[in-house]
Amino acid sequence: MYGYIRTHRPELKVWEDEAYKAVYCSLCRELGKRYGIMSRMFLSYDATFLAIAVMALSNRKQCFVKKRCPFNPAKKCNFLKEKSEALAFAADVSVILLFYKIKDNIRDSTFFKAIAYRILLILIIRPFKKAEKLCPDAAIIIKEYIQTQYLVEEKAAVSIDEAAEPTAVMLQKLYSLNEPDETDRRVRERVGYCIGRWVYLIDAFDDMEKDRKSGNYNPFLLGSNDNYEKIKGDLLMTAGEAAKAYELLDIKSFGGIISNIIYDGLYYETLKVYERRLHNE
């Protein structure tokens, strides 16, 4: 994942910030248990959001307990007290996405950089196979996303909508996976789609200078798509659409955290990347 879906901490209440960090640490712990200590290096804010978003729609009350941090035994952290399917799901998705991300980096890197990624790929193959087996539906969704994204890049699609569609559809399907109620599933699909579109666009926006130098595909470098004000407007509009759909969800827990991410986090990340692009010009 990309790491852009995060909280805006100045607007979080103290107990909400502690709860968010507890889920983050719990996901780190889950990754270590399922896939080994090295997998904890690939923990992301996006995967944390996915775990919280799934747990937020469950009737199950979440309790926390203090335990020592596996990375820093001198430090105690809050962790979820009981096992969570949402954490397991987020951990599996993280590993599957990481596998394909490394393959993509190999494809886009110079010869010497690709060597390092190939070594990393060897290390991740076993965890990937395990995640693929544990979460086959997510593995299929992500594989389809990768294949569609490759086609978009090979044809050098100029359309921003076409470029963002694979990521949007991937999160649309992942976020609504196994939802039995048709109405709730449609709402979750809409939230996932909008956030997925936003994630793709902000990542492409942030990578414009790097992709310009490397020659890698970036829809904002094609045609007349490089208008920063228009890009910022598109990002904020997409975040706004995610917020509209989010308001239709029956959130049972972590409401303050998710609201903070949807209303504040996406907005301030957009401004942060926008300012970074202006500064680098």
Protein backbone atom coordinates (compact mmCIF):
# COMPACT_ATOMS: atom_id res chain seq x y z
CA MET A 1 0.00 0.00 0.00
CA TYR A 2 0.99 3.63 -0.26
CA GLY A 3 0.85 5.11 3.26
CA TYR A 4 -1.31 8.16 2.58
CA ILE A 5 -4.46 7.12 4.46
CA ARG A 6 -3.65 8.37 7.93
CA THR A 7 -5.09 10.35 10.80
CA HIS A 8 -4.67 14.08 11.27
CA ARG A 9 -3.42 13.93 14.84
CA PRO A 10 -4.02 17.58 15.87
CA GLU A 11 -7.76 16.97 15.50
CA LEU A 12 -7.82 13.59 17.30
CA LYS A 13 -8.86 13.22 20.91
CA VAL A 14 -6.17 11.70 23.13
CA TRP A 15 -8.06 8.44 23.69
CA GLU A 16 -8.76 8.15 19.95
CA ASP A 17 -5.08 8.59 19.18
CA GLU A 18 -4.25 5.88 21.72
CA ALA A 19 -6.85 3.55 20.19
CA TYR A 20 -5.46 4.16 16.69
CA LYS A 21 -1.91 3.43 17.85
CA ALA A 22 -3.21 0.27 19.57
CA VAL A 23 -4.65 -1.02 16.29
CA TYR A 24 -1.43 -0.06 14.49
CA CYS A 25 0.66 -1.96 17.04
CA SER A 26 -1.76 -4.89 16.98
CA LEU A 27 -1.45 -5.14 13.21
CA CYS A 28 2.33 -5.09 13.57
CA ARG A 29 2.06 -7.94 16.04
CA GLU A 30 -0.31 -9.85 13.76
CA LEU A 31 2.08 -9.52 10.83
CA GLY A 32 4.90 -10.89 12.96
CA LYS A 33 2.85 -13.85 14.18
CA ARG A 34 1.57 -14.82 10.74
CA TYR A 35 4.57 -14.05 8.55
CA GLY A 36 7.65 -13.60 10.69
CA ILE A 37 9.47 -10.66 12.21
CA MET A 38 10.67 -9.27 8.85
CA SER A 39 7.10 -8.70 7.70
CA ARG A 40 6.64 -6.06 10.40
CA MET A 41 8.90 -3.79 8.39
CA PHE A 42 6.11 -3.45 5.84
CA LEU A 43 3.43 -2.22 8.21
CA SER A 44 1.47 0.69 6.69
CA TYR A 45 -1.10 3.31 7.63
CA ASP A 46 -3.30 2.15 4.75
CA ALA A 47 -3.46 -1.39 6.13
CA THR A 48 -4.25 0.03 9.57
CA PHE A 49 -7.15 1.96 8.08
CA LEU A 50 -8.42 -1.19 6.36
CA ALA A 51 -8.37 -3.07 9.68
CA ILE A 52 -10.13 -0.25 11.55
CA ALA A 53 -12.70 0.23 8.79
CA VAL A 54 -13.65 -3.46 8.91
CA MET A 55 -13.76 -3.56 12.72
CA ALA A 56 -15.86 -0.37 12.81
CA LEU A 57 -18.79 -2.15 11.17
CA SER A 58 -18.73 -5.08 13.57
CA ASN A 59 -20.88 -5.36 16.69
CA ARG A 60 -17.94 -6.81 18.55
CA LYS A 61 -16.62 -4.51 21.26
CA GLN A 62 -12.87 -3.95 21.13
CA CYS A 63 -10.86 -4.01 24.37
CA PHE A 64 -7.19 -3.23 24.82
CA VAL A 65 -4.43 -4.55 27.03
CA LYS A 66 -0.88 -3.31 27.67
CA LYS A 67 1.97 -5.58 26.58
CA ARG A 68 5.63 -5.14 25.82
CA CYS A 69 6.56 -4.09 22.30
CA PRO A 70 8.33 -6.93 20.42
CA PHE A 71 10.73 -4.40 18.82
CA ASN A 72 11.39 -2.49 22.03
CA PRO A 73 10.87 -4.68 25.14
CA ALA A 74 11.50 -1.69 27.40
CA LYS A 75 8.35 -0.06 26.04
CA LYS A 76 4.76 -1.09 26.76
CA CYS A 77 2.06 -0.58 24.13
CA ASN A 78 -1.68 -1.07 23.94
CA PHE A 79 -2.85 -4.05 21.90
CA LEU A 80 -6.23 -5.52 21.06
CA LYS A 81 -7.08 -7.99 23.81
CA GLU A 82 -8.72 -10.61 21.58
CA LYS A 83 -7.98 -12.04 18.16
CA SER A 84 -9.41 -10.06 15.27
CA GLU A 85 -10.36 -11.31 11.82
CA ALA A 86 -9.99 -7.75 10.58
CA LEU A 87 -6.34 -7.67 11.65
CA ALA A 88 -5.70 -11.03 10.01
CA PHE A 89 -7.35 -9.78 6.82
CA ALA A 90 -5.32 -6.56 6.79
CA ALA A 91 -2.10 -8.51 7.40
CA ASP A 92 -2.85 -10.92 4.53
CA VAL A 93 -3.69 -8.08 2.16
CA SER A 94 -0.48 -6.25 3.14
CA VAL A 95 1.70 -9.24 2.24
CA ILE A 96 -0.09 -9.92 -1.05
CA LEU A 97 0.16 -6.28 -2.11
CA LEU A 98 3.81 -6.14 -1.06
CA PHE A 99 4.65 -9.09 -3.30
CA TYR A 100 3.20 -7.38 -6.36
CA LYS A 101 4.67 -4.01 -5.36
CA ILE A 102 8.16 -5.53 -5.32
CA LYS A 103 7.58 -7.10 -8.74
CA ASP A 104 6.46 -3.72 -10.03
CA ASN A 105 9.57 -2.06 -8.59
CA ILE A 106 11.75 -4.62 -10.36
CA ARG A 107 10.04 -3.75 -13.63
CA ASP A 108 10.50 0.01 -13.12
CA SER A 109 14.02 0.04 -11.63
CA THR A 110 17.49 0.27 -13.09
CA PHE A 111 19.58 -2.90 -13.28
CA PHE A 112 21.39 -2.47 -9.95
CA LYS A 113 18.31 -1.37 -8.00
CA ALA A 114 16.40 -4.30 -9.47
CA ILE A 115 18.94 -6.72 -7.95
CA ALA A 116 18.04 -5.57 -4.43
CA TYR A 117 14.33 -5.92 -5.18
CA ARG A 118 14.88 -9.41 -6.59
CA ILE A 119 16.53 -10.46 -3.34
CA LEU A 120 13.59 -9.01 -1.42
CA LEU A 121 11.20 -10.86 -3.72
CA ILE A 122 12.83 -14.16 -2.84
CA LEU A 123 12.31 -13.42 0.86
CA ILE A 124 8.64 -12.55 0.40
CA ILE A 125 7.61 -15.48 -1.83
CA ARG A 126 6.93 -17.87 1.06
CA PRO A 127 4.82 -15.40 3.07
CA PHE A 128 2.99 -14.48 -0.15
CA LYS A 129 2.08 -18.10 -0.86
CA LYS A 130 0.79 -18.43 2.70
CA ALA A 131 -1.28 -15.23 2.44
CA GLU A 132 -2.63 -16.34 -0.92
CA LYS A 133 -3.80 -19.58 0.67
CA LEU A 134 -5.25 -17.95 3.80
CA CYS A 135 -7.09 -15.20 1.91
CA PRO A 136 -7.77 -16.49 -1.63
CA ASP A 137 -10.57 -14.02 -2.42
CA ALA A 138 -8.35 -11.02 -1.67
CA ALA A 139 -5.50 -12.62 -3.64
CA ILE A 140 -7.75 -12.90 -6.72
CA ILE A 141 -8.94 -9.30 -6.38
CA ILE A 142 -5.38 -7.97 -6.07
CA LYS A 143 -4.09 -10.09 -8.97
CA GLU A 144 -6.87 -8.76 -11.20
CA TYR A 145 -5.96 -5.23 -10.14
CA ILE A 146 -2.30 -5.76 -11.02
CA GLN A 147 -3.13 -7.20 -14.45
CA THR A 148 -5.49 -4.32 -15.26
CA GLN A 149 -2.98 -1.74 -14.05
CA TYR A 150 -0.28 -3.22 -16.28
CA LEU A 151 -2.58 -2.87 -19.31
CA VAL A 152 -3.28 0.77 -18.44
CA GLU A 153 0.42 1.53 -18.16
CA GLU A 154 1.37 -0.38 -21.32
CA LYS A 155 -1.06 1.66 -23.40
CA ALA A 156 0.07 4.85 -21.60
CA ALA A 157 -3.50 5.87 -20.88
CA VAL A 158 -3.92 9.65 -20.84
CA SER A 159 -7.30 9.53 -19.08
CA ILE A 160 -6.98 10.13 -15.33
CA ASP A 161 -10.17 8.16 -14.71
CA GLU A 162 -8.86 5.16 -16.64
CA ALA A 163 -5.51 5.28 -14.84
CA ALA A 164 -7.12 5.39 -11.38
CA GLU A 165 -9.81 2.79 -12.08
CA PRO A 166 -7.83 -0.40 -11.20
CA THR A 167 -6.86 0.84 -7.72
CA ALA A 168 -10.36 2.20 -7.12
CA VAL A 169 -11.98 -1.12 -8.07
CA MET A 170 -9.48 -3.09 -5.98
CA LEU A 171 -10.32 -1.19 -2.77
CA GLN A 172 -14.00 -1.23 -3.71
CA LYS A 173 -13.93 -5.03 -3.73
CA LEU A 174 -11.64 -5.47 -0.72
CA TYR A 175 -13.64 -3.13 1.50
CA SER A 176 -16.94 -4.82 0.67
CA LEU A 177 -15.63 -8.40 0.70
CA ASN A 178 -17.93 -10.87 2.48
CA GLU A 179 -20.62 -8.25 3.24
CA PRO A 180 -23.91 -10.22 3.06
CA ASP A 181 -26.30 -7.25 3.05
CA GLU A 182 -26.71 -5.83 -0.46
CA THR A 183 -27.39 -2.24 0.65
CA ASP A 184 -24.44 -2.17 3.05
CA ARG A 185 -22.24 -3.77 0.42
CA ARG A 186 -23.05 -1.05 -2.10
CA VAL A 187 -22.24 1.68 0.39
CA ARG A 188 -18.98 0.01 1.35
CA GLU A 189 -18.14 -0.41 -2.32
CA ARG A 190 -18.64 3.30 -2.88
CA VAL A 191 -16.45 4.26 0.08
CA GLY A 192 -13.74 1.85 -1.05
CA TYR A 193 -13.91 3.03 -4.66
CA CYS A 194 -13.53 6.70 -3.77
CA ILE A 195 -10.69 6.10 -1.34
CA GLY A 196 -8.96 3.84 -3.87
CA ARG A 197 -9.23 6.52 -6.54
CA TRP A 198 -7.88 9.13 -4.12
CA VAL A 199 -4.96 6.89 -3.16
CA TYR A 200 -3.94 6.34 -6.76
CA LEU A 201 -4.20 10.01 -7.66
CA ILE A 202 -2.27 11.32 -4.67
CA ASP A 203 0.49 8.76 -5.16
CA ALA A 204 0.80 9.69 -8.84
CA PHE A 205 0.76 13.40 -7.90
CA ASP A 206 3.47 12.89 -5.29
CA ASP A 207 5.63 10.86 -7.72
CA MET A 208 5.45 13.28 -10.66
CA GLU A 209 9.03 14.54 -10.39
CA LYS A 210 10.47 11.08 -9.76
CA ASP A 211 8.54 9.59 -12.70
CA ARG A 212 9.52 12.50 -14.93
CA LYS A 213 13.19 11.69 -14.33
CA SER A 214 12.84 7.91 -14.61
CA GLY A 215 10.43 7.89 -17.53
CA ASN A 216 7.95 5.70 -15.66
CA TYR A 217 4.25 5.98 -16.46
CA ASN A 218 2.37 8.74 -14.71
CA PRO A 219 -0.95 10.03 -16.09
CA PHE A 220 -0.23 13.54 -14.81
CA LEU A 221 2.77 13.77 -17.14
CA LEU A 222 0.70 13.04 -20.23
CA GLY A 223 -1.49 15.33 -22.28
CA SER A 224 -2.54 18.43 -20.38
CA ASN A 225 -2.99 16.69 -17.03
CA ASP A 226 -0.21 18.54 -15.16
CA ASN A 227 -2.31 21.43 -13.85
CA TYR A 228 -1.65 21.36 -10.11
CA GLU A 229 -4.79 23.27 -9.17
CA LYS A 230 -6.94 20.91 -11.18
CA ILE A 231 -5.22 17.88 -9.62
CA LYS A 232 -5.77 19.25 -6.12
CA GLY A 233 -9.40 19.94 -6.95
CA ASP A 234 -9.90 16.39 -8.26
CA LEU A 235 -8.33 14.94 -5.11
CA LEU A 236 -10.51 17.03 -2.80
CA MET A 237 -13.62 16.19 -4.82
CA THR A 238 -12.83 12.46 -4.59
CA ALA A 239 -12.24 12.75 -0.84
CA GLY A 240 -15.58 14.56 -0.57
CA GLU A 241 -17.35 11.75 -2.41
CA ALA A 242 -15.79 9.24 0.00
CA ALA A 243 -17.12 11.32 2.92
CA LYS A 244 -20.64 11.37 1.47
CA ALA A 245 -20.69 7.60 1.15
CA TYR A 246 -19.10 7.14 4.58
CA GLU A 247 -22.00 9.04 6.18
CA LEU A 248 -24.34 6.24 5.05
CA LEU A 249 -22.42 3.56 6.97
CA ASP A 250 -23.59 2.22 10.31
CA ILE A 251 -20.37 2.76 12.25
CA LYS A 252 -20.39 0.87 15.55
CA SER A 253 -16.88 1.61 16.83
CA PHE A 254 -13.84 3.75 16.03
CA GLY A 255 -16.20 6.38 14.61
CA GLY A 256 -14.10 9.32 15.73
CA ILE A 257 -10.94 7.84 14.22
CA ILE A 258 -12.50 7.02 10.87
CA SER A 259 -14.21 10.41 10.69
CA ASN A 260 -10.85 12.05 11.38
CA ILE A 261 -9.22 10.08 8.55
CA ILE A 262 -12.04 10.69 6.05
CA TYR A 263 -12.70 14.36 6.81
CA ASP A 264 -9.30 15.61 7.98
CA GLY A 265 -6.66 13.05 7.02
CA LEU A 266 -7.45 12.92 3.29
CA TYR A 267 -7.79 16.71 3.15
CA TYR A 268 -4.50 17.54 4.88
CA GLU A 269 -2.57 14.84 3.00
CA THR A 270 -3.84 16.39 -0.23
CA LEU A 271 -2.62 19.83 0.85
CA LYS A 272 0.71 18.40 2.03
CA VAL A 273 1.45 16.77 -1.32
CA TYR A 274 0.20 19.83 -3.21
CA GLU A 275 2.57 22.10 -1.27
CA ARG A 276 5.41 19.63 -1.80
CA ARG A 277 4.84 19.69 -5.54
CA LEU A 278 4.81 23.50 -5.61
CA HIS A 279 7.99 23.65 -3.51
CA ASN A 280 9.82 21.22 -5.81
CA GLU A 281 9.03 23.14 -8.97
